[in-house]
Full PDB file with SEQRES, HELIX, SHEET, SSBOND, CRYST1, ORIGX, SCALE, CONECT and MASTER records, all heavy atoms in Angstrom:
SEQRES   1 A   35  HIS PHE SER ARG THR THR ILE GLY THR PHE GLY SER ILE          
SEQRES   2 A   35  ASN ALA PHE GLY THR MET ILE PHE SER LEU VAL LEU GLY          
SEQRES   3 A   35  ARG LEU ALA VAL TRP ARG GLY PHE LEU                          
HELIX    1 AA1 ARG A    4  LEU A   25  1                                  22    
HELIX    2 AA2 VAL A   30  PHE A   34  1                                   5    
CRYST1    1.000    1.000    1.000  90.00  90.00  90.00 P 1           1          
ORIGX1      1.000000  0.000000  0.000000        0.00000                         
ORIGX2      0.000000  1.000000  0.000000        0.00000                         
ORIGX3      0.000000  0.000000  1.000000        0.00000                         
SCALE1      1.000000  0.000000  0.000000        0.00000                         
SCALE2      0.000000  1.000000  0.000000        0.00000                         
SCALE3      0.000000  0.000000  1.000000        0.00000                         
ATOM      1  N   HIS A   1     106.797 146.930  97.170  1.00  0.00           N  
ATOM      2  CA  HIS A   1     106.098 148.201  96.959  1.00  0.00           C  
ATOM      3  C   HIS A   1     105.226 148.625  98.145  1.00  0.00           C  
ATOM      4  O   HIS A   1     104.147 149.177  97.963  1.00  0.00           O  
ATOM      5  CB  HIS A   1     105.245 148.135  95.682  1.00  0.00           C  
ATOM      6  CG  HIS A   1     106.007 147.668  94.482  1.00  0.00           C  
ATOM      7  ND1 HIS A   1     107.045 148.405  93.942  1.00  0.00           N  
ATOM      8  CD2 HIS A   1     105.913 146.531  93.733  1.00  0.00           C  
ATOM      9  CE1 HIS A   1     107.555 147.750  92.901  1.00  0.00           C  
ATOM     10  NE2 HIS A   1     106.884 146.608  92.756  1.00  0.00           N  
ATOM     11  N   PHE A   2     105.719 148.382  99.362  1.00  0.00           N  
ATOM     12  CA  PHE A   2     105.041 148.893 100.550  1.00  0.00           C  
ATOM     13  C   PHE A   2     105.386 150.370 100.731  1.00  0.00           C  
ATOM     14  O   PHE A   2     106.492 150.811 100.394  1.00  0.00           O  
ATOM     15  CB  PHE A   2     105.458 148.107 101.793  1.00  0.00           C  
ATOM     16  CG  PHE A   2     104.911 146.710 101.850  1.00  0.00           C  
ATOM     17  CD1 PHE A   2     105.728 145.615 101.619  1.00  0.00           C  
ATOM     18  CD2 PHE A   2     103.573 146.486 102.143  1.00  0.00           C  
ATOM     19  CE1 PHE A   2     105.228 144.321 101.669  1.00  0.00           C  
ATOM     20  CE2 PHE A   2     103.066 145.197 102.200  1.00  0.00           C  
ATOM     21  CZ  PHE A   2     103.888 144.109 101.958  1.00  0.00           C  
ATOM     22  N   SER A   3     104.457 151.139 101.276  1.00  0.00           N  
ATOM     23  CA  SER A   3     104.694 152.561 101.534  1.00  0.00           C  
ATOM     24  C   SER A   3     105.608 152.730 102.741  1.00  0.00           C  
ATOM     25  O   SER A   3     105.812 151.802 103.532  1.00  0.00           O  
ATOM     26  CB  SER A   3     103.368 153.274 101.807  1.00  0.00           C  
ATOM     27  OG  SER A   3     102.823 152.860 103.043  1.00  0.00           O  
ATOM     28  N   ARG A   4     106.151 153.918 102.900  1.00  0.00           N  
ATOM     29  CA  ARG A   4     107.007 154.195 104.057  1.00  0.00           C  
ATOM     30  C   ARG A   4     106.229 154.075 105.360  1.00  0.00           C  
ATOM     31  O   ARG A   4     106.757 153.609 106.378  1.00  0.00           O  
ATOM     32  CB  ARG A   4     107.608 155.596 103.930  1.00  0.00           C  
ATOM     33  CG  ARG A   4     108.628 155.723 102.801  1.00  0.00           C  
ATOM     34  CD  ARG A   4     109.064 157.164 102.588  1.00  0.00           C  
ATOM     35  NE  ARG A   4     110.025 157.265 101.501  1.00  0.00           N  
ATOM     36  CZ  ARG A   4     110.488 158.419 101.022  1.00  0.00           C  
ATOM     37  NH1 ARG A   4     110.052 159.565 101.541  1.00  0.00           N  
ATOM     38  NH2 ARG A   4     111.354 158.425 100.038  1.00  0.00           N  
ATOM     39  N   THR A   5     104.973 154.510 105.359  1.00  0.00           N  
ATOM     40  CA  THR A   5     104.147 154.380 106.564  1.00  0.00           C  
ATOM     41  C   THR A   5     103.988 152.912 106.937  1.00  0.00           C  
ATOM     42  O   THR A   5     104.099 152.538 108.118  1.00  0.00           O  
ATOM     43  CB  THR A   5     102.766 155.024 106.342  1.00  0.00           C  
ATOM     44  OG1 THR A   5     102.941 156.401 106.026  1.00  0.00           O  
ATOM     45  CG2 THR A   5     101.902 154.892 107.588  1.00  0.00           C  
ATOM     46  N   THR A   6     103.740 152.063 105.950  1.00  0.00           N  
ATOM     47  CA  THR A   6     103.588 150.628 106.212  1.00  0.00           C  
ATOM     48  C   THR A   6     104.899 150.023 106.696  1.00  0.00           C  
ATOM     49  O   THR A   6     104.916 149.204 107.629  1.00  0.00           O  
ATOM     50  CB  THR A   6     103.115 149.900 104.941  1.00  0.00           C  
ATOM     51  OG1 THR A   6     101.898 150.483 104.491  1.00  0.00           O  
ATOM     52  CG2 THR A   6     102.901 148.424 105.218  1.00  0.00           C  
ATOM     53  N   ILE A   7     106.011 150.434 106.089  1.00  0.00           N  
ATOM     54  CA  ILE A   7     107.314 149.929 106.515  1.00  0.00           C  
ATOM     55  C   ILE A   7     107.587 150.348 107.961  1.00  0.00           C  
ATOM     56  O   ILE A   7     108.127 149.572 108.754  1.00  0.00           O  
ATOM     57  CB  ILE A   7     108.424 150.440 105.570  1.00  0.00           C  
ATOM     58  CG1 ILE A   7     108.252 149.787 104.193  1.00  0.00           C  
ATOM     59  CG2 ILE A   7     109.807 150.130 106.130  1.00  0.00           C  
ATOM     60  CD1 ILE A   7     109.159 150.361 103.121  1.00  0.00           C  
ATOM     61  N   GLY A   8     107.198 151.572 108.313  1.00  0.00           N  
ATOM     62  CA  GLY A   8     107.328 152.006 109.702  1.00  0.00           C  
ATOM     63  C   GLY A   8     106.504 151.142 110.646  1.00  0.00           C  
ATOM     64  O   GLY A   8     106.943 150.798 111.748  1.00  0.00           O  
ATOM     65  N   THR A   9     105.302 150.765 110.214  1.00  0.00           N  
ATOM     66  CA  THR A   9     104.462 149.876 111.015  1.00  0.00           C  
ATOM     67  C   THR A   9     105.124 148.512 111.177  1.00  0.00           C  
ATOM     68  O   THR A   9     105.100 147.923 112.264  1.00  0.00           O  
ATOM     69  CB  THR A   9     103.080 149.716 110.360  1.00  0.00           C  
ATOM     70  OG1 THR A   9     102.480 151.004 110.207  1.00  0.00           O  
ATOM     71  CG2 THR A   9     102.168 148.844 111.208  1.00  0.00           C  
ATOM     72  N   PHE A  10     105.726 148.010 110.100  1.00  0.00           N  
ATOM     73  CA  PHE A  10     106.473 146.758 110.195  1.00  0.00           C  
ATOM     74  C   PHE A  10     107.601 146.883 111.222  1.00  0.00           C  
ATOM     75  O   PHE A  10     107.917 145.926 111.939  1.00  0.00           O  
ATOM     76  CB  PHE A  10     107.061 146.383 108.837  1.00  0.00           C  
ATOM     77  CG  PHE A  10     106.054 145.908 107.824  1.00  0.00           C  
ATOM     78  CD1 PHE A  10     106.301 146.051 106.465  1.00  0.00           C  
ATOM     79  CD2 PHE A  10     104.871 145.313 108.221  1.00  0.00           C  
ATOM     80  CE1 PHE A  10     105.387 145.605 105.521  1.00  0.00           C  
ATOM     81  CE2 PHE A  10     103.939 144.870 107.289  1.00  0.00           C  
ATOM     82  CZ  PHE A  10     104.194 145.016 105.943  1.00  0.00           C  
ATOM     83  N   GLY A  11     108.215 148.073 111.287  1.00  0.00           N  
ATOM     84  CA  GLY A  11     109.263 148.292 112.279  1.00  0.00           C  
ATOM     85  C   GLY A  11     108.745 148.162 113.698  1.00  0.00           C  
ATOM     86  O   GLY A  11     109.425 147.617 114.578  1.00  0.00           O  
ATOM     87  N   SER A  12     107.532 148.632 113.946  1.00  0.00           N  
ATOM     88  CA  SER A  12     106.932 148.482 115.271  1.00  0.00           C  
ATOM     89  C   SER A  12     106.685 147.015 115.585  1.00  0.00           C  
ATOM     90  O   SER A  12     106.899 146.568 116.725  1.00  0.00           O  
ATOM     91  CB  SER A  12     105.609 149.260 115.327  1.00  0.00           C  
ATOM     92  OG  SER A  12     105.825 150.647 115.152  1.00  0.00           O  
ATOM     93  N   ILE A  13     106.241 146.265 114.591  1.00  0.00           N  
ATOM     94  CA  ILE A  13     106.026 144.832 114.785  1.00  0.00           C  
ATOM     95  C   ILE A  13     107.356 144.140 115.065  1.00  0.00           C  
ATOM     96  O   ILE A  13     107.454 143.240 115.912  1.00  0.00           O  
ATOM     97  CB  ILE A  13     105.335 144.235 113.547  1.00  0.00           C  
ATOM     98  CG1 ILE A  13     103.938 144.831 113.388  1.00  0.00           C  
ATOM     99  CG2 ILE A  13     105.261 142.709 113.630  1.00  0.00           C  
ATOM    100  CD1 ILE A  13     103.282 144.524 112.057  1.00  0.00           C  
ATOM    101  N   ASN A  14     108.406 144.573 114.367  1.00  0.00           N  
ATOM    102  CA  ASN A  14     109.747 144.042 114.600  1.00  0.00           C  
ATOM    103  C   ASN A  14     110.185 144.293 116.043  1.00  0.00           C  
ATOM    104  O   ASN A  14     110.749 143.408 116.704  1.00  0.00           O  
ATOM    105  CB  ASN A  14     110.709 144.687 113.609  1.00  0.00           C  
ATOM    106  CG  ASN A  14     112.141 144.222 113.778  1.00  0.00           C  
ATOM    107  OD1 ASN A  14     112.907 144.819 114.534  1.00  0.00           O  
ATOM    108  ND2 ASN A  14     112.520 143.171 113.069  1.00  0.00           N  
ATOM    109  N   ALA A  15     109.911 145.492 116.540  1.00  0.00           N  
ATOM    110  CA  ALA A  15     110.279 145.827 117.920  1.00  0.00           C  
ATOM    111  C   ALA A  15     109.502 144.975 118.921  1.00  0.00           C  
ATOM    112  O   ALA A  15     110.039 144.545 119.945  1.00  0.00           O  
ATOM    113  CB  ALA A  15     110.006 147.309 118.178  1.00  0.00           C  
ATOM    114  N   PHE A  16     108.228 144.725 118.621  1.00  0.00           N  
ATOM    115  CA  PHE A  16     107.433 143.852 119.488  1.00  0.00           C  
ATOM    116  C   PHE A  16     108.042 142.455 119.513  1.00  0.00           C  
ATOM    117  O   PHE A  16     108.106 141.807 120.569  1.00  0.00           O  
ATOM    118  CB  PHE A  16     105.991 143.810 118.989  1.00  0.00           C  
ATOM    119  CG  PHE A  16     105.074 142.991 119.849  1.00  0.00           C  
ATOM    120  CD1 PHE A  16     104.816 143.351 121.164  1.00  0.00           C  
ATOM    121  CD2 PHE A  16     104.460 141.849 119.341  1.00  0.00           C  
ATOM    122  CE1 PHE A  16     103.973 142.602 121.957  1.00  0.00           C  
ATOM    123  CE2 PHE A  16     103.613 141.090 120.123  1.00  0.00           C  
ATOM    124  CZ  PHE A  16     103.362 141.466 121.438  1.00  0.00           C  
ATOM    125  N   GLY A  17     108.522 141.992 118.359  1.00  0.00           N  
ATOM    126  CA  GLY A  17     109.191 140.701 118.308  1.00  0.00           C  
ATOM    127  C   GLY A  17     110.428 140.681 119.182  1.00  0.00           C  
ATOM    128  O   GLY A  17     110.672 139.707 119.913  1.00  0.00           O  
ATOM    129  N   THR A  18     111.234 141.756 119.133  1.00  0.00           N  
ATOM    130  CA  THR A  18     112.429 141.832 119.979  1.00  0.00           C  
ATOM    131  C   THR A  18     112.054 141.772 121.456  1.00  0.00           C  
ATOM    132  O   THR A  18     112.697 141.072 122.244  1.00  0.00           O  
ATOM    133  CB  THR A  18     113.211 143.127 119.693  1.00  0.00           C  
ATOM    134  OG1 THR A  18     113.633 143.131 118.327  1.00  0.00           O  
ATOM    135  CG2 THR A  18     114.430 143.231 120.593  1.00  0.00           C  
ATOM    136  N   MET A  19     111.017 142.494 121.835  1.00  0.00           N  
ATOM    137  CA  MET A  19     110.605 142.505 123.237  1.00  0.00           C  
ATOM    138  C   MET A  19     110.179 141.112 123.690  1.00  0.00           C  
ATOM    139  O   MET A  19     110.596 140.628 124.751  1.00  0.00           O  
ATOM    140  CB  MET A  19     109.461 143.500 123.447  1.00  0.00           C  
ATOM    141  CG  MET A  19     109.073 143.682 124.901  1.00  0.00           C  
ATOM    142  SD  MET A  19     107.833 144.977 125.133  1.00  0.00           S  
ATOM    143  CE  MET A  19     106.392 144.192 124.401  1.00  0.00           C  
ATOM    144  N   ILE A  20     109.361 140.441 122.878  1.00  0.00           N  
ATOM    145  CA  ILE A  20     108.880 139.109 123.241  1.00  0.00           C  
ATOM    146  C   ILE A  20     110.027 138.104 123.275  1.00  0.00           C  
ATOM    147  O   ILE A  20     110.173 137.326 124.235  1.00  0.00           O  
ATOM    148  CB  ILE A  20     107.782 138.644 122.261  1.00  0.00           C  
ATOM    149  CG1 ILE A  20     106.562 139.565 122.349  1.00  0.00           C  
ATOM    150  CG2 ILE A  20     107.399 137.189 122.540  1.00  0.00           C  
ATOM    151  CD1 ILE A  20     105.926 139.627 123.727  1.00  0.00           C  
ATOM    152  N   PHE A  21     110.864 138.118 122.242  1.00  0.00           N  
ATOM    153  CA  PHE A  21     111.963 137.156 122.201  1.00  0.00           C  
ATOM    154  C   PHE A  21     112.974 137.424 123.322  1.00  0.00           C  
ATOM    155  O   PHE A  21     113.586 136.484 123.842  1.00  0.00           O  
ATOM    156  CB  PHE A  21     112.653 137.191 120.840  1.00  0.00           C  
ATOM    157  CG  PHE A  21     111.828 136.592 119.725  1.00  0.00           C  
ATOM    158  CD1 PHE A  21     111.581 137.304 118.561  1.00  0.00           C  
ATOM    159  CD2 PHE A  21     111.291 135.327 119.843  1.00  0.00           C  
ATOM    160  CE1 PHE A  21     110.815 136.770 117.543  1.00  0.00           C  
ATOM    161  CE2 PHE A  21     110.520 134.773 118.829  1.00  0.00           C  
ATOM    162  CZ  PHE A  21     110.282 135.493 117.674  1.00  0.00           C  
ATOM    163  N   SER A  22     113.164 138.687 123.704  1.00  0.00           N  
ATOM    164  CA  SER A  22     114.073 139.001 124.810  1.00  0.00           C  
ATOM    165  C   SER A  22     113.563 138.394 126.112  1.00  0.00           C  
ATOM    166  O   SER A  22     114.333 137.840 126.903  1.00  0.00           O  
ATOM    167  CB  SER A  22     114.226 140.518 124.962  1.00  0.00           C  
ATOM    168  OG  SER A  22     114.869 141.087 123.853  1.00  0.00           O  
ATOM    169  N   LEU A  23     112.277 138.507 126.344  1.00  0.00           N  
ATOM    170  CA  LEU A  23     111.696 137.960 127.575  1.00  0.00           C  
ATOM    171  C   LEU A  23     111.701 136.436 127.570  1.00  0.00           C  
ATOM    172  O   LEU A  23     111.960 135.809 128.603  1.00  0.00           O  
ATOM    173  CB  LEU A  23     110.269 138.487 127.752  1.00  0.00           C  
ATOM    174  CG  LEU A  23     110.133 139.992 127.984  1.00  0.00           C  
ATOM    175  CD1 LEU A  23     108.666 140.401 127.983  1.00  0.00           C  
ATOM    176  CD2 LEU A  23     110.781 140.395 129.314  1.00  0.00           C  
ATOM    177  N   VAL A  24     111.431 135.835 126.407  1.00  0.00           N  
ATOM    178  CA  VAL A  24     111.327 134.373 126.327  1.00  0.00           C  
ATOM    179  C   VAL A  24     112.710 133.720 126.267  1.00  0.00           C  
ATOM    180  O   VAL A  24     113.025 132.816 127.056  1.00  0.00           O  
ATOM    181  CB  VAL A  24     110.480 133.953 125.106  1.00  0.00           C  
ATOM    182  CG1 VAL A  24     110.514 132.434 124.922  1.00  0.00           C  
ATOM    183  CG2 VAL A  24     109.044 134.432 125.267  1.00  0.00           C  
ATOM    184  N   LEU A  25     113.554 134.154 125.339  1.00  0.00           N  
ATOM    185  CA  LEU A  25     114.854 133.522 125.160  1.00  0.00           C  
ATOM    186  C   LEU A  25     115.798 133.829 126.328  1.00  0.00           C  
ATOM    187  O   LEU A  25     116.740 133.073 126.579  1.00  0.00           O  
ATOM    188  CB  LEU A  25     115.492 133.970 123.844  1.00  0.00           C  
ATOM    189  CG  LEU A  25     114.712 133.619 122.570  1.00  0.00           C  
ATOM    190  CD1 LEU A  25     115.476 134.073 121.331  1.00  0.00           C  
ATOM    191  CD2 LEU A  25     114.425 132.129 122.491  1.00  0.00           C  
ATOM    192  N   GLY A  26     115.551 134.935 127.040  1.00  0.00           N  
ATOM    193  CA  GLY A  26     116.368 135.258 128.205  1.00  0.00           C  
ATOM    194  C   GLY A  26     116.197 134.281 129.348  1.00  0.00           C  
ATOM    195  O   GLY A  26     117.006 134.252 130.284  1.00  0.00           O  
ATOM    196  N   ARG A  27     115.177 133.444 129.285  1.00  0.00           N  
ATOM    197  CA  ARG A  27     114.951 132.426 130.317  1.00  0.00           C  
ATOM    198  C   ARG A  27     115.653 131.111 129.996  1.00  0.00           C  
ATOM    199  O   ARG A  27     115.681 130.203 130.819  1.00  0.00           O  
ATOM    200  CB  ARG A  27     113.449 132.186 130.493  1.00  0.00           C  
ATOM    201  CG  ARG A  27     112.690 133.407 130.982  1.00  0.00           C  
ATOM    202  CD  ARG A  27     111.197 133.155 131.071  1.00  0.00           C  
ATOM    203  NE  ARG A  27     110.484 134.326 131.540  1.00  0.00           N  
ATOM    204  CZ  ARG A  27     110.274 134.611 132.808  1.00  0.00           C  
ATOM    205  NH1 ARG A  27     110.724 133.808 133.745  1.00  0.00           N  
ATOM    206  NH2 ARG A  27     109.621 135.700 133.162  1.00  0.00           N  
ATOM    207  N   LEU A  28     116.177 130.993 128.768  1.00  0.00           N  
ATOM    208  CA  LEU A  28     116.885 129.779 128.376  1.00  0.00           C  
ATOM    209  C   LEU A  28     118.360 129.868 128.766  1.00  0.00           C  
ATOM    210  O   LEU A  28     118.872 130.930 129.086  1.00  0.00           O  
ATOM    211  CB  LEU A  28     116.788 129.588 126.853  1.00  0.00           C  
ATOM    212  CG  LEU A  28     115.391 129.462 126.239  1.00  0.00           C  
ATOM    213  CD1 LEU A  28     115.510 129.328 124.723  1.00  0.00           C  
ATOM    214  CD2 LEU A  28     114.630 128.282 126.817  1.00  0.00           C  
ATOM    215  N   ALA A  29     119.038 128.715 128.733  1.00  0.00           N  
ATOM    216  CA  ALA A  29     120.495 128.740 128.835  1.00  0.00           C  
ATOM    217  C   ALA A  29     121.030 129.594 127.689  1.00  0.00           C  
ATOM    218  O   ALA A  29     120.486 129.581 126.582  1.00  0.00           O  
ATOM    219  CB  ALA A  29     121.046 127.316 128.745  1.00  0.00           C  
ATOM    220  N   VAL A  30     122.103 130.348 127.939  1.00  0.00           N  
ATOM    221  CA  VAL A  30     122.511 131.386 127.002  1.00  0.00           C  
ATOM    222  C   VAL A  30     122.865 130.843 125.625  1.00  0.00           C  
ATOM    223  O   VAL A  30     122.512 131.441 124.607  1.00  0.00           O  
ATOM    224  CB  VAL A  30     123.675 132.234 127.576  1.00  0.00           C  
ATOM    225  CG1 VAL A  30     123.170 133.197 128.621  1.00  0.00           C  
ATOM    226  CG2 VAL A  30     124.779 131.357 128.137  1.00  0.00           C  
ATOM    227  N   TRP A  31     123.568 129.692 125.533  1.00  0.00           N  
ATOM    228  CA  TRP A  31     123.904 129.143 124.219  1.00  0.00           C  
ATOM    229  C   TRP A  31     122.651 128.735 123.470  1.00  0.00           C  
ATOM    230  O   TRP A  31     122.510 128.975 122.277  1.00  0.00           O  
ATOM    231  CB  TRP A  31     124.838 127.947 124.358  1.00  0.00           C  
ATOM    232  CG  TRP A  31     126.281 128.247 124.116  1.00  0.00           C  
ATOM    233  CD1 TRP A  31     127.312 128.048 124.980  1.00  0.00           C  
ATOM    234  CD2 TRP A  31     126.876 128.809 122.934  1.00  0.00           C  
ATOM    235  NE1 TRP A  31     128.498 128.457 124.420  1.00  0.00           N  
ATOM    236  CE2 TRP A  31     128.257 128.927 123.160  1.00  0.00           C  
ATOM    237  CE3 TRP A  31     126.360 129.244 121.709  1.00  0.00           C  
ATOM    238  CZ2 TRP A  31     129.141 129.429 122.214  1.00  0.00           C  
ATOM    239  CZ3 TRP A  31     127.232 129.756 120.765  1.00  0.00           C  
ATOM    240  CH2 TRP A  31     128.612 129.844 121.016  1.00  0.00           C  
ATOM    241  N   ARG A  32     121.738 128.095 124.192  1.00  0.00           N  
ATOM    242  CA  ARG A  32     120.498 127.660 123.552  1.00  0.00           C  
ATOM    243  C   ARG A  32     119.704 128.864 123.058  1.00  0.00           C  
ATOM    244  O   ARG A  32     119.131 128.852 121.970  1.00  0.00           O  
ATOM    245  CB  ARG A  32     119.675 126.833 124.528  1.00  0.00           C  
ATOM    246  CG  ARG A  32     118.406 126.246 123.939  1.00  0.00           C  
ATOM    247  CD  ARG A  32     117.703 125.341 124.934  1.00  0.00           C  
ATOM    248  NE  ARG A  32     118.534 124.203 125.298  1.00  0.00           N  
ATOM    249  CZ  ARG A  32     118.187 123.301 126.220  1.00  0.00           C  
ATOM    250  NH1 ARG A  32     117.057 123.435 126.886  1.00  0.00           N  
ATOM    251  NH2 ARG A  32     118.973 122.285 126.490  1.00  0.00           N  
ATOM    252  N   GLY A  33     119.671 129.911 123.859  1.00  0.00           N  
ATOM    253  CA  GLY A  33     118.963 131.117 123.453  1.00  0.00           C  
ATOM    254  C   GLY A  33     119.588 131.768 122.234  1.00  0.00           C  
ATOM    255  O   GLY A  33     118.883 132.227 121.327  1.00  0.00           O  
ATOM    256  N   PHE A  34     120.938 131.805 122.186  1.00  0.00           N  
ATOM    257  CA  PHE A  34     121.622 132.427 121.051  1.00  0.00           C  
ATOM    258  C   PHE A  34     121.330 131.667 119.761  1.00  0.00           C  
ATOM    259  O   PHE A  34     121.006 132.265 118.731  1.00  0.00           O  
ATOM    260  CB  PHE A  34     123.129 132.466 121.316  1.00  0.00           C  
ATOM    261  CG  PHE A  34     123.924 133.119 120.216  1.00  0.00           C  
ATOM    262  CD1 PHE A  34     123.995 134.503 120.128  1.00  0.00           C  
ATOM    263  CD2 PHE A  34     124.596 132.356 119.271  1.00  0.00           C  
ATOM    264  CE1 PHE A  34     124.722 135.107 119.113  1.00  0.00           C  
ATOM    265  CE2 PHE A  34     125.320 132.950 118.251  1.00  0.00           C  
ATOM    266  CZ  PHE A  34     125.389 134.332 118.175  1.00  0.00           C  
ATOM    267  N   LEU A  35     121.447 130.352 119.787  1.00  0.00           N  
ATOM    268  CA  LEU A  35     121.185 129.558 118.592  1.00  0.00           C  
ATOM    269  C   LEU A  35     119.716 129.649 118.179  1.00  0.00           C  
ATOM    270  O   LEU A  35     119.400 129.676 116.982  1.00  0.00           O  
ATOM    271  CB  LEU A  35     121.583 128.103 118.829  1.00  0.00           C  
ATOM    272  CG  LEU A  35     123.085 127.840 118.946  1.00  0.00           C  
ATOM    273  CD1 LEU A  35     123.349 126.385 119.338  1.00  0.00           C  
ATOM    274  CD2 LEU A  35     123.796 128.160 117.644  1.00  0.00           C  
TER     275      LEU A  35                                                      
MASTER        0    0    0    2    0    0    0    6  274    1    0    3          
END                                                                             
């Protein structure tokens, strides 16, 4: 029962996660990063 505004905020947090994981996991060997 989260509001749409809150769900949108969660989406921003999700995007921040993608940015961080892209920078961090991109430094690993590709198989290790994928798993």
